[in-house]
């Protein structure tokens, strides 16, 4: 997710972890 100056998000994968991290401005 990428909306400049408003929102950014990424997924993350590692052993035993599946994550989603979002930022709102």
PDBML (XML) file of the C-alpha atoms, coordinates in Angstrom:
<?xml version="1.0" encoding="UTF-8" ?>
<PDBx:datablock datablockName="MODEL"
   xmlns:PDBx="http://pdbml.pdb.org/schema/pdbx-v50.xsd"
   xmlns:xsi="http://www.w3.org/2001/XMLSchema-instance"
   xsi:schemaLocation="http://pdbml.pdb.org/schema/pdbx-v50.xsd pdbx-v50.xsd">
   <PDBx:atom_siteCategory>
      <PDBx:atom_site id="1">
         <PDBx:B_iso_or_equiv>0.00</PDBx:B_iso_or_equiv>
         <PDBx:Cartn_x>0.000</PDBx:Cartn_x>
         <PDBx:Cartn_y>0.000</PDBx:Cartn_y>
         <PDBx:Cartn_z>0.000</PDBx:Cartn_z>
         <PDBx:auth_asym_id>A</PDBx:auth_asym_id>
         <PDBx:auth_atom_id>CA</PDBx:auth_atom_id>
         <PDBx:auth_comp_id>UNK</PDBx:auth_comp_id>
         <PDBx:auth_seq_id>1</PDBx:auth_seq_id>
         <PDBx:group_PDB>ATOM</PDBx:group_PDB>
         <PDBx:label_alt_id xsi:nil="true" />
         <PDBx:label_asym_id>A</PDBx:label_asym_id>
         <PDBx:label_atom_id>CA</PDBx:label_atom_id>
         <PDBx:label_comp_id>UNK</PDBx:label_comp_id>
         <PDBx:label_entity_id>1</PDBx:label_entity_id>
         <PDBx:label_seq_id>1</PDBx:label_seq_id>
         <PDBx:occupancy>1.00</PDBx:occupancy>
         <PDBx:pdbx_PDB_model_num>1</PDBx:pdbx_PDB_model_num>
         <PDBx:type_symbol>C</PDBx:type_symbol>
      </PDBx:atom_site>
      <PDBx:atom_site id="2">
         <PDBx:B_iso_or_equiv>0.00</PDBx:B_iso_or_equiv>
         <PDBx:Cartn_x>1.502</PDBx:Cartn_x>
         <PDBx:Cartn_y>3.309</PDBx:Cartn_y>
         <PDBx:Cartn_z>-1.071</PDBx:Cartn_z>
         <PDBx:auth_asym_id>A</PDBx:auth_asym_id>
         <PDBx:auth_atom_id>CA</PDBx:auth_atom_id>
         <PDBx:auth_comp_id>UNK</PDBx:auth_comp_id>
         <PDBx:auth_seq_id>2</PDBx:auth_seq_id>
         <PDBx:group_PDB>ATOM</PDBx:group_PDB>
         <PDBx:label_alt_id xsi:nil="true" />
         <PDBx:label_asym_id>A</PDBx:label_asym_id>
         <PDBx:label_atom_id>CA</PDBx:label_atom_id>
         <PDBx:label_comp_id>UNK</PDBx:label_comp_id>
         <PDBx:label_entity_id>1</PDBx:label_entity_id>
         <PDBx:label_seq_id>2</PDBx:label_seq_id>
         <PDBx:occupancy>1.00</PDBx:occupancy>
         <PDBx:pdbx_PDB_model_num>1</PDBx:pdbx_PDB_model_num>
         <PDBx:type_symbol>C</PDBx:type_symbol>
      </PDBx:atom_site>
      <PDBx:atom_site id="3">
         <PDBx:B_iso_or_equiv>0.00</PDBx:B_iso_or_equiv>
         <PDBx:Cartn_x>-0.335</PDBx:Cartn_x>
         <PDBx:Cartn_y>6.631</PDBx:Cartn_y>
         <PDBx:Cartn_z>-1.039</PDBx:Cartn_z>
         <PDBx:auth_asym_id>A</PDBx:auth_asym_id>
         <PDBx:auth_atom_id>CA</PDBx:auth_atom_id>
         <PDBx:auth_comp_id>UNK</PDBx:auth_comp_id>
         <PDBx:auth_seq_id>3</PDBx:auth_seq_id>
         <PDBx:group_PDB>ATOM</PDBx:group_PDB>
         <PDBx:label_alt_id xsi:nil="true" />
         <PDBx:label_asym_id>A</PDBx:label_asym_id>
         <PDBx:label_atom_id>CA</PDBx:label_atom_id>
         <PDBx:label_comp_id>UNK</PDBx:label_comp_id>
         <PDBx:label_entity_id>1</PDBx:label_entity_id>
         <PDBx:label_seq_id>3</PDBx:label_seq_id>
         <PDBx:occupancy>1.00</PDBx:occupancy>
         <PDBx:pdbx_PDB_model_num>1</PDBx:pdbx_PDB_model_num>
         <PDBx:type_symbol>C</PDBx:type_symbol>
      </PDBx:atom_site>
      <PDBx:atom_site id="4">
         <PDBx:B_iso_or_equiv>0.00</PDBx:B_iso_or_equiv>
         <PDBx:Cartn_x>2.296</PDBx:Cartn_x>
         <PDBx:Cartn_y>9.378</PDBx:Cartn_y>
         <PDBx:Cartn_z>-0.688</PDBx:Cartn_z>
         <PDBx:auth_asym_id>A</PDBx:auth_asym_id>
         <PDBx:auth_atom_id>CA</PDBx:auth_atom_id>
         <PDBx:auth_comp_id>UNK</PDBx:auth_comp_id>
         <PDBx:auth_seq_id>4</PDBx:auth_seq_id>
         <PDBx:group_PDB>ATOM</PDBx:group_PDB>
         <PDBx:label_alt_id xsi:nil="true" />
         <PDBx:label_asym_id>A</PDBx:label_asym_id>
         <PDBx:label_atom_id>CA</PDBx:label_atom_id>
         <PDBx:label_comp_id>UNK</PDBx:label_comp_id>
         <PDBx:label_entity_id>1</PDBx:label_entity_id>
         <PDBx:label_seq_id>4</PDBx:label_seq_id>
         <PDBx:occupancy>1.00</PDBx:occupancy>
         <PDBx:pdbx_PDB_model_num>1</PDBx:pdbx_PDB_model_num>
         <PDBx:type_symbol>C</PDBx:type_symbol>
      </PDBx:atom_site>
      <PDBx:atom_site id="5">
         <PDBx:B_iso_or_equiv>0.00</PDBx:B_iso_or_equiv>
         <PDBx:Cartn_x>1.908</PDBx:Cartn_x>
         <PDBx:Cartn_y>11.499</PDBx:Cartn_y>
         <PDBx:Cartn_z>2.462</PDBx:Cartn_z>
         <PDBx:auth_asym_id>A</PDBx:auth_asym_id>
         <PDBx:auth_atom_id>CA</PDBx:auth_atom_id>
         <PDBx:auth_comp_id>UNK</PDBx:auth_comp_id>
         <PDBx:auth_seq_id>5</PDBx:auth_seq_id>
         <PDBx:group_PDB>ATOM</PDBx:group_PDB>
         <PDBx:label_alt_id xsi:nil="true" />
         <PDBx:label_asym_id>A</PDBx:label_asym_id>
         <PDBx:label_atom_id>CA</PDBx:label_atom_id>
         <PDBx:label_comp_id>UNK</PDBx:label_comp_id>
         <PDBx:label_entity_id>1</PDBx:label_entity_id>
         <PDBx:label_seq_id>5</PDBx:label_seq_id>
         <PDBx:occupancy>1.00</PDBx:occupancy>
         <PDBx:pdbx_PDB_model_num>1</PDBx:pdbx_PDB_model_num>
         <PDBx:type_symbol>C</PDBx:type_symbol>
      </PDBx:atom_site>
      <PDBx:atom_site id="6">
         <PDBx:B_iso_or_equiv>0.00</PDBx:B_iso_or_equiv>
         <PDBx:Cartn_x>-1.104</PDBx:Cartn_x>
         <PDBx:Cartn_y>9.420</PDBx:Cartn_y>
         <PDBx:Cartn_z>3.572</PDBx:Cartn_z>
         <PDBx:auth_asym_id>A</PDBx:auth_asym_id>
         <PDBx:auth_atom_id>CA</PDBx:auth_atom_id>
         <PDBx:auth_comp_id>UNK</PDBx:auth_comp_id>
         <PDBx:auth_seq_id>6</PDBx:auth_seq_id>
         <PDBx:group_PDB>ATOM</PDBx:group_PDB>
         <PDBx:label_alt_id xsi:nil="true" />
         <PDBx:label_asym_id>A</PDBx:label_asym_id>
         <PDBx:label_atom_id>CA</PDBx:label_atom_id>
         <PDBx:label_comp_id>UNK</PDBx:label_comp_id>
         <PDBx:label_entity_id>1</PDBx:label_entity_id>
         <PDBx:label_seq_id>6</PDBx:label_seq_id>
         <PDBx:occupancy>1.00</PDBx:occupancy>
         <PDBx:pdbx_PDB_model_num>1</PDBx:pdbx_PDB_model_num>
         <PDBx:type_symbol>C</PDBx:type_symbol>
      </PDBx:atom_site>
      <PDBx:atom_site id="7">
         <PDBx:B_iso_or_equiv>0.00</PDBx:B_iso_or_equiv>
         <PDBx:Cartn_x>-0.576</PDBx:Cartn_x>
         <PDBx:Cartn_y>5.657</PDBx:Cartn_y>
         <PDBx:Cartn_z>3.854</PDBx:Cartn_z>
         <PDBx:auth_asym_id>A</PDBx:auth_asym_id>
         <PDBx:auth_atom_id>CA</PDBx:auth_atom_id>
         <PDBx:auth_comp_id>UNK</PDBx:auth_comp_id>
         <PDBx:auth_seq_id>7</PDBx:auth_seq_id>
         <PDBx:group_PDB>ATOM</PDBx:group_PDB>
         <PDBx:label_alt_id xsi:nil="true" />
         <PDBx:label_asym_id>A</PDBx:label_asym_id>
         <PDBx:label_atom_id>CA</PDBx:label_atom_id>
         <PDBx:label_comp_id>UNK</PDBx:label_comp_id>
         <PDBx:label_entity_id>1</PDBx:label_entity_id>
         <PDBx:label_seq_id>7</PDBx:label_seq_id>
         <PDBx:occupancy>1.00</PDBx:occupancy>
         <PDBx:pdbx_PDB_model_num>1</PDBx:pdbx_PDB_model_num>
         <PDBx:type_symbol>C</PDBx:type_symbol>
      </PDBx:atom_site>
      <PDBx:atom_site id="8">
         <PDBx:B_iso_or_equiv>0.00</PDBx:B_iso_or_equiv>
         <PDBx:Cartn_x>2.123</PDBx:Cartn_x>
         <PDBx:Cartn_y>3.036</PDBx:Cartn_y>
         <PDBx:Cartn_z>3.584</PDBx:Cartn_z>
         <PDBx:auth_asym_id>A</PDBx:auth_asym_id>
         <PDBx:auth_atom_id>CA</PDBx:auth_atom_id>
         <PDBx:auth_comp_id>UNK</PDBx:auth_comp_id>
         <PDBx:auth_seq_id>8</PDBx:auth_seq_id>
         <PDBx:group_PDB>ATOM</PDBx:group_PDB>
         <PDBx:label_alt_id xsi:nil="true" />
         <PDBx:label_asym_id>A</PDBx:label_asym_id>
         <PDBx:label_atom_id>CA</PDBx:label_atom_id>
         <PDBx:label_comp_id>UNK</PDBx:label_comp_id>
         <PDBx:label_entity_id>1</PDBx:label_entity_id>
         <PDBx:label_seq_id>8</PDBx:label_seq_id>
         <PDBx:occupancy>1.00</PDBx:occupancy>
         <PDBx:pdbx_PDB_model_num>1</PDBx:pdbx_PDB_model_num>
         <PDBx:type_symbol>C</PDBx:type_symbol>
      </PDBx:atom_site>
      <PDBx:atom_site id="9">
         <PDBx:B_iso_or_equiv>0.00</PDBx:B_iso_or_equiv>
         <PDBx:Cartn_x>1.945</PDBx:Cartn_x>
         <PDBx:Cartn_y>-0.680</PDBx:Cartn_y>
         <PDBx:Cartn_z>4.338</PDBx:Cartn_z>
         <PDBx:auth_asym_id>A</PDBx:auth_asym_id>
         <PDBx:auth_atom_id>CA</PDBx:auth_atom_id>
         <PDBx:auth_comp_id>UNK</PDBx:auth_comp_id>
         <PDBx:auth_seq_id>9</PDBx:auth_seq_id>
         <PDBx:group_PDB>ATOM</PDBx:group_PDB>
         <PDBx:label_alt_id xsi:nil="true" />
         <PDBx:label_asym_id>A</PDBx:label_asym_id>
         <PDBx:label_atom_id>CA</PDBx:label_atom_id>
         <PDBx:label_comp_id>UNK</PDBx:label_comp_id>
         <PDBx:label_entity_id>1</PDBx:label_entity_id>
         <PDBx:label_seq_id>9</PDBx:label_seq_id>
         <PDBx:occupancy>1.00</PDBx:occupancy>
         <PDBx:pdbx_PDB_model_num>1</PDBx:pdbx_PDB_model_num>
         <PDBx:type_symbol>C</PDBx:type_symbol>
      </PDBx:atom_site>
      <PDBx:atom_site id="10">
         <PDBx:B_iso_or_equiv>0.00</PDBx:B_iso_or_equiv>
         <PDBx:Cartn_x>4.039</PDBx:Cartn_x>
         <PDBx:Cartn_y>-3.772</PDBx:Cartn_y>
         <PDBx:Cartn_z>3.828</PDBx:Cartn_z>
         <PDBx:auth_asym_id>A</PDBx:auth_asym_id>
         <PDBx:auth_atom_id>CA</PDBx:auth_atom_id>
         <PDBx:auth_comp_id>UNK</PDBx:auth_comp_id>
         <PDBx:auth_seq_id>10</PDBx:auth_seq_id>
         <PDBx:group_PDB>ATOM</PDBx:group_PDB>
         <PDBx:label_alt_id xsi:nil="true" />
         <PDBx:label_asym_id>A</PDBx:label_asym_id>
         <PDBx:label_atom_id>CA</PDBx:label_atom_id>
         <PDBx:label_comp_id>UNK</PDBx:label_comp_id>
         <PDBx:label_entity_id>1</PDBx:label_entity_id>
         <PDBx:label_seq_id>10</PDBx:label_seq_id>
         <PDBx:occupancy>1.00</PDBx:occupancy>
         <PDBx:pdbx_PDB_model_num>1</PDBx:pdbx_PDB_model_num>
         <PDBx:type_symbol>C</PDBx:type_symbol>
      </PDBx:atom_site>
      <PDBx:atom_site id="11">
         <PDBx:B_iso_or_equiv>0.00</PDBx:B_iso_or_equiv>
         <PDBx:Cartn_x>3.778</PDBx:Cartn_x>
         <PDBx:Cartn_y>-7.452</PDBx:Cartn_y>
         <PDBx:Cartn_z>4.548</PDBx:Cartn_z>
         <PDBx:auth_asym_id>A</PDBx:auth_asym_id>
         <PDBx:auth_atom_id>CA</PDBx:auth_atom_id>
         <PDBx:auth_comp_id>UNK</PDBx:auth_comp_id>
         <PDBx:auth_seq_id>11</PDBx:auth_seq_id>
         <PDBx:group_PDB>ATOM</PDBx:group_PDB>
         <PDBx:label_alt_id xsi:nil="true" />
         <PDBx:label_asym_id>A</PDBx:label_asym_id>
         <PDBx:label_atom_id>CA</PDBx:label_atom_id>
         <PDBx:label_comp_id>UNK</PDBx:label_comp_id>
         <PDBx:label_entity_id>1</PDBx:label_entity_id>
         <PDBx:label_seq_id>11</PDBx:label_seq_id>
         <PDBx:occupancy>1.00</PDBx:occupancy>
         <PDBx:pdbx_PDB_model_num>1</PDBx:pdbx_PDB_model_num>
         <PDBx:type_symbol>C</PDBx:type_symbol>
      </PDBx:atom_site>
      <PDBx:atom_site id="12">
         <PDBx:B_iso_or_equiv>0.00</PDBx:B_iso_or_equiv>
         <PDBx:Cartn_x>6.531</PDBx:Cartn_x>
         <PDBx:Cartn_y>-9.307</PDBx:Cartn_y>
         <PDBx:Cartn_z>6.369</PDBx:Cartn_z>
         <PDBx:auth_asym_id>A</PDBx:auth_asym_id>
         <PDBx:auth_atom_id>CA</PDBx:auth_atom_id>
         <PDBx:auth_comp_id>UNK</PDBx:auth_comp_id>
         <PDBx:auth_seq_id>12</PDBx:auth_seq_id>
         <PDBx:group_PDB>ATOM</PDBx:group_PDB>
         <PDBx:label_alt_id xsi:nil="true" />
         <PDBx:label_asym_id>A</PDBx:label_asym_id>
         <PDBx:label_atom_id>CA</PDBx:label_atom_id>
         <PDBx:label_comp_id>UNK</PDBx:label_comp_id>
         <PDBx:label_entity_id>1</PDBx:label_entity_id>
         <PDBx:label_seq_id>12</PDBx:label_seq_id>
         <PDBx:occupancy>1.00</PDBx:occupancy>
         <PDBx:pdbx_PDB_model_num>1</PDBx:pdbx_PDB_model_num>
         <PDBx:type_symbol>C</PDBx:type_symbol>
      </PDBx:atom_site>
      <PDBx:atom_site id="13">
         <PDBx:B_iso_or_equiv>0.00</PDBx:B_iso_or_equiv>
         <PDBx:Cartn_x>7.527</PDBx:Cartn_x>
         <PDBx:Cartn_y>-12.937</PDBx:Cartn_y>
         <PDBx:Cartn_z>6.229</PDBx:Cartn_z>
         <PDBx:auth_asym_id>A</PDBx:auth_asym_id>
         <PDBx:auth_atom_id>CA</PDBx:auth_atom_id>
         <PDBx:auth_comp_id>UNK</PDBx:auth_comp_id>
         <PDBx:auth_seq_id>13</PDBx:auth_seq_id>
         <PDBx:group_PDB>ATOM</PDBx:group_PDB>
         <PDBx:label_alt_id xsi:nil="true" />
         <PDBx:label_asym_id>A</PDBx:label_asym_id>
         <PDBx:label_atom_id>CA</PDBx:label_atom_id>
         <PDBx:label_comp_id>UNK</PDBx:label_comp_id>
         <PDBx:label_entity_id>1</PDBx:label_entity_id>
         <PDBx:label_seq_id>13</PDBx:label_seq_id>
         <PDBx:occupancy>1.00</PDBx:occupancy>
         <PDBx:pdbx_PDB_model_num>1</PDBx:pdbx_PDB_model_num>
         <PDBx:type_symbol>C</PDBx:type_symbol>
      </PDBx:atom_site>
      <PDBx:atom_site id="14">
         <PDBx:B_iso_or_equiv>0.00</PDBx:B_iso_or_equiv>
         <PDBx:Cartn_x>9.928</PDBx:Cartn_x>
         <PDBx:Cartn_y>-14.818</PDBx:Cartn_y>
         <PDBx:Cartn_z>8.480</PDBx:Cartn_z>
         <PDBx:auth_asym_id>A</PDBx:auth_asym_id>
         <PDBx:auth_atom_id>CA</PDBx:auth_atom_id>
         <PDBx:auth_comp_id>UNK</PDBx:auth_comp_id>
         <PDBx:auth_seq_id>14</PDBx:auth_seq_id>
         <PDBx:group_PDB>ATOM</PDBx:group_PDB>
         <PDBx:label_alt_id xsi:nil="true" />
         <PDBx:label_asym_id>A</PDBx:label_asym_id>
         <PDBx:label_atom_id>CA</PDBx:label_atom_id>
         <PDBx:label_comp_id>UNK</PDBx:label_comp_id>
         <PDBx:label_entity_id>1</PDBx:label_entity_id>
         <PDBx:label_seq_id>14</PDBx:label_seq_id>
         <PDBx:occupancy>1.00</PDBx:occupancy>
         <PDBx:pdbx_PDB_model_num>1</PDBx:pdbx_PDB_model_num>
         <PDBx:type_symbol>C</PDBx:type_symbol>
      </PDBx:atom_site>
      <PDBx:atom_site id="15">
         <PDBx:B_iso_or_equiv>0.00</PDBx:B_iso_or_equiv>
         <PDBx:Cartn_x>10.076</PDBx:Cartn_x>
         <PDBx:Cartn_y>-18.234</PDBx:Cartn_y>
         <PDBx:Cartn_z>10.064</PDBx:Cartn_z>
         <PDBx:auth_asym_id>A</PDBx:auth_asym_id>
         <PDBx:auth_atom_id>CA</PDBx:auth_atom_id>
         <PDBx:auth_comp_id>UNK</PDBx:auth_comp_id>
         <PDBx:auth_seq_id>15</PDBx:auth_seq_id>
         <PDBx:group_PDB>ATOM</PDBx:group_PDB>
         <PDBx:label_alt_id xsi:nil="true" />
         <PDBx:label_asym_id>A</PDBx:label_asym_id>
         <PDBx:label_atom_id>CA</PDBx:label_atom_id>
         <PDBx:label_comp_id>UNK</PDBx:label_comp_id>
         <PDBx:label_entity_id>1</PDBx:label_entity_id>
         <PDBx:label_seq_id>15</PDBx:label_seq_id>
         <PDBx:occupancy>1.00</PDBx:occupancy>
         <PDBx:pdbx_PDB_model_num>1</PDBx:pdbx_PDB_model_num>
         <PDBx:type_symbol>C</PDBx:type_symbol>
      </PDBx:atom_site>
      <PDBx:atom_site id="16">
         <PDBx:B_iso_or_equiv>0.00</PDBx:B_iso_or_equiv>
         <PDBx:Cartn_x>6.853</PDBx:Cartn_x>
         <PDBx:Cartn_y>-18.583</PDBx:Cartn_y>
         <PDBx:Cartn_z>12.056</PDBx:Cartn_z>
         <PDBx:auth_asym_id>A</PDBx:auth_asym_id>
         <PDBx:auth_atom_id>CA</PDBx:auth_atom_id>
         <PDBx:auth_comp_id>UNK</PDBx:auth_comp_id>
         <PDBx:auth_seq_id>16</PDBx:auth_seq_id>
         <PDBx:group_PDB>ATOM</PDBx:group_PDB>
         <PDBx:label_alt_id xsi:nil="true" />
         <PDBx:label_asym_id>A</PDBx:label_asym_id>
         <PDBx:label_atom_id>CA</PDBx:label_atom_id>
         <PDBx:label_comp_id>UNK</PDBx:label_comp_id>
         <PDBx:label_entity_id>1</PDBx:label_entity_id>
         <PDBx:label_seq_id>16</PDBx:label_seq_id>
         <PDBx:occupancy>1.00</PDBx:occupancy>
         <PDBx:pdbx_PDB_model_num>1</PDBx:pdbx_PDB_model_num>
         <PDBx:type_symbol>C</PDBx:type_symbol>
      </PDBx:atom_site>
      <PDBx:atom_site id="17">
         <PDBx:B_iso_or_equiv>0.00</PDBx:B_iso_or_equiv>
         <PDBx:Cartn_x>5.660</PDBx:Cartn_x>
         <PDBx:Cartn_y>-15.020</PDBx:Cartn_y>
         <PDBx:Cartn_z>11.381</PDBx:Cartn_z>
         <PDBx:auth_asym_id>A</PDBx:auth_asym_id>
         <PDBx:auth_atom_id>CA</PDBx:auth_atom_id>
         <PDBx:auth_comp_id>UNK</PDBx:auth_comp_id>
         <PDBx:auth_seq_id>17</PDBx:auth_seq_id>
         <PDBx:group_PDB>ATOM</PDBx:group_PDB>
         <PDBx:label_alt_id xsi:nil="true" />
         <PDBx:label_asym_id>A</PDBx:label_asym_id>
         <PDBx:label_atom_id>CA</PDBx:label_atom_id>
         <PDBx:label_comp_id>UNK</PDBx:label_comp_id>
         <PDBx:label_entity_id>1</PDBx:label_entity_id>
         <PDBx:label_seq_id>17</PDBx:label_seq_id>
         <PDBx:occupancy>1.00</PDBx:occupancy>
         <PDBx:pdbx_PDB_model_num>1</PDBx:pdbx_PDB_model_num>
         <PDBx:type_symbol>C</PDBx:type_symbol>
      </PDBx:atom_site>
      <PDBx:atom_site id="18">
         <PDBx:B_iso_or_equiv>0.00</PDBx:B_iso_or_equiv>
         <PDBx:Cartn_x>3.311</PDBx:Cartn_x>
         <PDBx:Cartn_y>-13.572</PDBx:Cartn_y>
         <PDBx:Cartn_z>8.789</PDBx:Cartn_z>
         <PDBx:auth_asym_id>A</PDBx:auth_asym_id>
         <PDBx:auth_atom_id>CA</PDBx:auth_atom_id>
         <PDBx:auth_comp_id>UNK</PDBx:auth_comp_id>
         <PDBx:auth_seq_id>18</PDBx:auth_seq_id>
         <PDBx:group_PDB>ATOM</PDBx:group_PDB>
         <PDBx:label_alt_id xsi:nil="true" />
         <PDBx:label_asym_id>A</PDBx:label_asym_id>
         <PDBx:label_atom_id>CA</PDBx:label_atom_id>
         <PDBx:label_comp_id>UNK</PDBx:label_comp_id>
         <PDBx:label_entity_id>1</PDBx:label_entity_id>
         <PDBx:label_seq_id>18</PDBx:label_seq_id>
         <PDBx:occupancy>1.00</PDBx:occupancy>
         <PDBx:pdbx_PDB_model_num>1</PDBx:pdbx_PDB_model_num>
         <PDBx:type_symbol>C</PDBx:type_symbol>
      </PDBx:atom_site>
      <PDBx:atom_site id="19">
         <PDBx:B_iso_or_equiv>0.00</PDBx:B_iso_or_equiv>
         <PDBx:Cartn_x>2.700</PDBx:Cartn_x>
         <PDBx:Cartn_y>-9.860</PDBx:Cartn_y>
         <PDBx:Cartn_z>9.401</PDBx:Cartn_z>
         <PDBx:auth_asym_id>A</PDBx:auth_asym_id>
         <PDBx:auth_atom_id>CA</PDBx:auth_atom_id>
         <PDBx:auth_comp_id>UNK</PDBx:auth_comp_id>
         <PDBx:auth_seq_id>19</PDBx:auth_seq_id>
         <PDBx:group_PDB>ATOM</PDBx:group_PDB>
         <PDBx:label_alt_id xsi:nil="true" />
         <PDBx:label_asym_id>A</PDBx:label_asym_id>
         <PDBx:label_atom_id>CA</PDBx:label_atom_id>
         <PDBx:label_comp_id>UNK</PDBx:label_comp_id>
         <PDBx:label_entity_id>1</PDBx:label_entity_id>
         <PDBx:label_seq_id>19</PDBx:label_seq_id>
         <PDBx:occupancy>1.00</PDBx:occupancy>
         <PDBx:pdbx_PDB_model_num>1</PDBx:pdbx_PDB_model_num>
         <PDBx:type_symbol>C</PDBx:type_symbol>
      </PDBx:atom_site>
      <PDBx:atom_site id="20">
         <PDBx:B_iso_or_equiv>0.00</PDBx:B_iso_or_equiv>
         <PDBx:Cartn_x>1.192</PDBx:Cartn_x>
         <PDBx:Cartn_y>-6.734</PDBx:Cartn_y>
         <PDBx:Cartn_z>7.895</PDBx:Cartn_z>
         <PDBx:auth_asym_id>A</PDBx:auth_asym_id>
         <PDBx:auth_atom_id>CA</PDBx:auth_atom_id>
         <PDBx:auth_comp_id>UNK</PDBx:auth_comp_id>
         <PDBx:auth_seq_id>20</PDBx:auth_seq_id>
         <PDBx:group_PDB>ATOM</PDBx:group_PDB>
         <PDBx:label_alt_id xsi:nil="true" />
         <PDBx:label_asym_id>A</PDBx:label_asym_id>
         <PDBx:label_atom_id>CA</PDBx:label_atom_id>
         <PDBx:label_comp_id>UNK</PDBx:label_comp_id>
         <PDBx:label_entity_id>1</PDBx:label_entity_id>
         <PDBx:label_seq_id>20</PDBx:label_seq_id>
         <PDBx:occupancy>1.00</PDBx:occupancy>
         <PDBx:pdbx_PDB_model_num>1</PDBx:pdbx_PDB_model_num>
         <PDBx:type_symbol>C</PDBx:type_symbol>
      </PDBx:atom_site>
      <PDBx:atom_site id="21">
         <PDBx:B_iso_or_equiv>0.00</PDBx:B_iso_or_equiv>
         <PDBx:Cartn_x>2.348</PDBx:Cartn_x>
         <PDBx:Cartn_y>-3.293</PDBx:Cartn_y>
         <PDBx:Cartn_z>9.061</PDBx:Cartn_z>
         <PDBx:auth_asym_id>A</PDBx:auth_asym_id>
         <PDBx:auth_atom_id>CA</PDBx:auth_atom_id>
         <PDBx:auth_comp_id>UNK</PDBx:auth_comp_id>
         <PDBx:auth_seq_id>21</PDBx:auth_seq_id>
         <PDBx:group_PDB>ATOM</PDBx:group_PDB>
         <PDBx:label_alt_id xsi:nil="true" />
         <PDBx:label_asym_id>A</PDBx:label_asym_id>
         <PDBx:label_atom_id>CA</PDBx:label_atom_id>
         <PDBx:label_comp_id>UNK</PDBx:label_comp_id>
         <PDBx:label_entity_id>1</PDBx:label_entity_id>
         <PDBx:label_seq_id>21</PDBx:label_seq_id>
         <PDBx:occupancy>1.00</PDBx:occupancy>
         <PDBx:pdbx_PDB_model_num>1</PDBx:pdbx_PDB_model_num>
         <PDBx:type_symbol>C</PDBx:type_symbol>
      </PDBx:atom_site>
      <PDBx:atom_site id="22">
         <PDBx:B_iso_or_equiv>0.00</PDBx:B_iso_or_equiv>
         <PDBx:Cartn_x>0.414</PDBx:Cartn_x>
         <PDBx:Cartn_y>-0.166</PDBx:Cartn_y>
         <PDBx:Cartn_z>8.036</PDBx:Cartn_z>
         <PDBx:auth_asym_id>A</PDBx:auth_asym_id>
         <PDBx:auth_atom_id>CA</PDBx:auth_atom_id>
         <PDBx:auth_comp_id>UNK</PDBx:auth_comp_id>
         <PDBx:auth_seq_id>22</PDBx:auth_seq_id>
         <PDBx:group_PDB>ATOM</PDBx:group_PDB>
         <PDBx:label_alt_id xsi:nil="true" />
         <PDBx:label_asym_id>A</PDBx:label_asym_id>
         <PDBx:label_atom_id>CA</PDBx:label_atom_id>
         <PDBx:label_comp_id>UNK</PDBx:label_comp_id>
         <PDBx:label_entity_id>1</PDBx:label_entity_id>
         <PDBx:label_seq_id>22</PDBx:label_seq_id>
         <PDBx:occupancy>1.00</PDBx:occupancy>
         <PDBx:pdbx_PDB_model_num>1</PDBx:pdbx_PDB_model_num>
         <PDBx:type_symbol>C</PDBx:type_symbol>
      </PDBx:atom_site>
      <PDBx:atom_site id="23">
         <PDBx:B_iso_or_equiv>0.00</PDBx:B_iso_or_equiv>
         <PDBx:Cartn_x>1.030</PDBx:Cartn_x>
         <PDBx:Cartn_y>3.540</PDBx:Cartn_y>
         <PDBx:Cartn_z>8.577</PDBx:Cartn_z>
         <PDBx:auth_asym_id>A</PDBx:auth_asym_id>
         <PDBx:auth_atom_id>CA</PDBx:auth_atom_id>
         <PDBx:auth_comp_id>UNK</PDBx:auth_comp_id>
         <PDBx:auth_seq_id>23</PDBx:auth_seq_id>
         <PDBx:group_PDB>ATOM</PDBx:group_PDB>
         <PDBx:label_alt_id xsi:nil="true" />
         <PDBx:label_asym_id>A</PDBx:label_asym_id>
         <PDBx:label_atom_id>CA</PDBx:label_atom_id>
         <PDBx:label_comp_id>UNK</PDBx:label_comp_id>
         <PDBx:label_entity_id>1</PDBx:label_entity_id>
         <PDBx:label_seq_id>23</PDBx:label_seq_id>
         <PDBx:occupancy>1.00</PDBx:occupancy>
         <PDBx:pdbx_PDB_model_num>1</PDBx:pdbx_PDB_model_num>
         <PDBx:type_symbol>C</PDBx:type_symbol>
      </PDBx:atom_site>
      <PDBx:atom_site id="24">
         <PDBx:B_iso_or_equiv>0.00</PDBx:B_iso_or_equiv>
         <PDBx:Cartn_x>-1.529</PDBx:Cartn_x>
         <PDBx:Cartn_y>6.340</PDBx:Cartn_y>
         <PDBx:Cartn_z>8.253</PDBx:Cartn_z>
         <PDBx:auth_asym_id>A</PDBx:auth_asym_id>
         <PDBx:auth_atom_id>CA</PDBx:auth_atom_id>
         <PDBx:auth_comp_id>UNK</PDBx:auth_comp_id>
         <PDBx:auth_seq_id>24</PDBx:auth_seq_id>
         <PDBx:group_PDB>ATOM</PDBx:group_PDB>
         <PDBx:label_alt_id xsi:nil="true" />
         <PDBx:label_asym_id>A</PDBx:label_asym_id>
         <PDBx:label_atom_id>CA</PDBx:label_atom_id>
         <PDBx:label_comp_id>UNK</PDBx:label_comp_id>
         <PDBx:label_entity_id>1</PDBx:label_entity_id>
         <PDBx:label_seq_id>24</PDBx:label_seq_id>
         <PDBx:occupancy>1.00</PDBx:occupancy>
         <PDBx:pdbx_PDB_model_num>1</PDBx:pdbx_PDB_model_num>
         <PDBx:type_symbol>C</PDBx:type_symbol>
      </PDBx:atom_site>
      <PDBx:atom_site id="25">
         <PDBx:B_iso_or_equiv>0.00</PDBx:B_iso_or_equiv>
         <PDBx:Cartn_x>-0.643</PDBx:Cartn_x>
         <PDBx:Cartn_y>10.035</PDBx:Cartn_y>
         <PDBx:Cartn_z>8.180</PDBx:Cartn_z>
         <PDBx:auth_asym_id>A</PDBx:auth_asym_id>
         <PDBx:auth_atom_id>CA</PDBx:auth_atom_id>
         <PDBx:auth_comp_id>UNK</PDBx:auth_comp_id>
         <PDBx:auth_seq_id>25</PDBx:auth_seq_id>
         <PDBx:group_PDB>ATOM</PDBx:group_PDB>
         <PDBx:label_alt_id xsi:nil="true" />
         <PDBx:label_asym_id>A</PDBx:label_asym_id>
         <PDBx:label_atom_id>CA</PDBx:label_atom_id>
         <PDBx:label_comp_id>UNK</PDBx:label_comp_id>
         <PDBx:label_entity_id>1</PDBx:label_entity_id>
         <PDBx:label_seq_id>25</PDBx:label_seq_id>
         <PDBx:occupancy>1.00</PDBx:occupancy>
         <PDBx:pdbx_PDB_model_num>1</PDBx:pdbx_PDB_model_num>
         <PDBx:type_symbol>C</PDBx:type_symbol>
      </PDBx:atom_site>
   </PDBx:atom_siteCategory>
</PDBx:datablock>
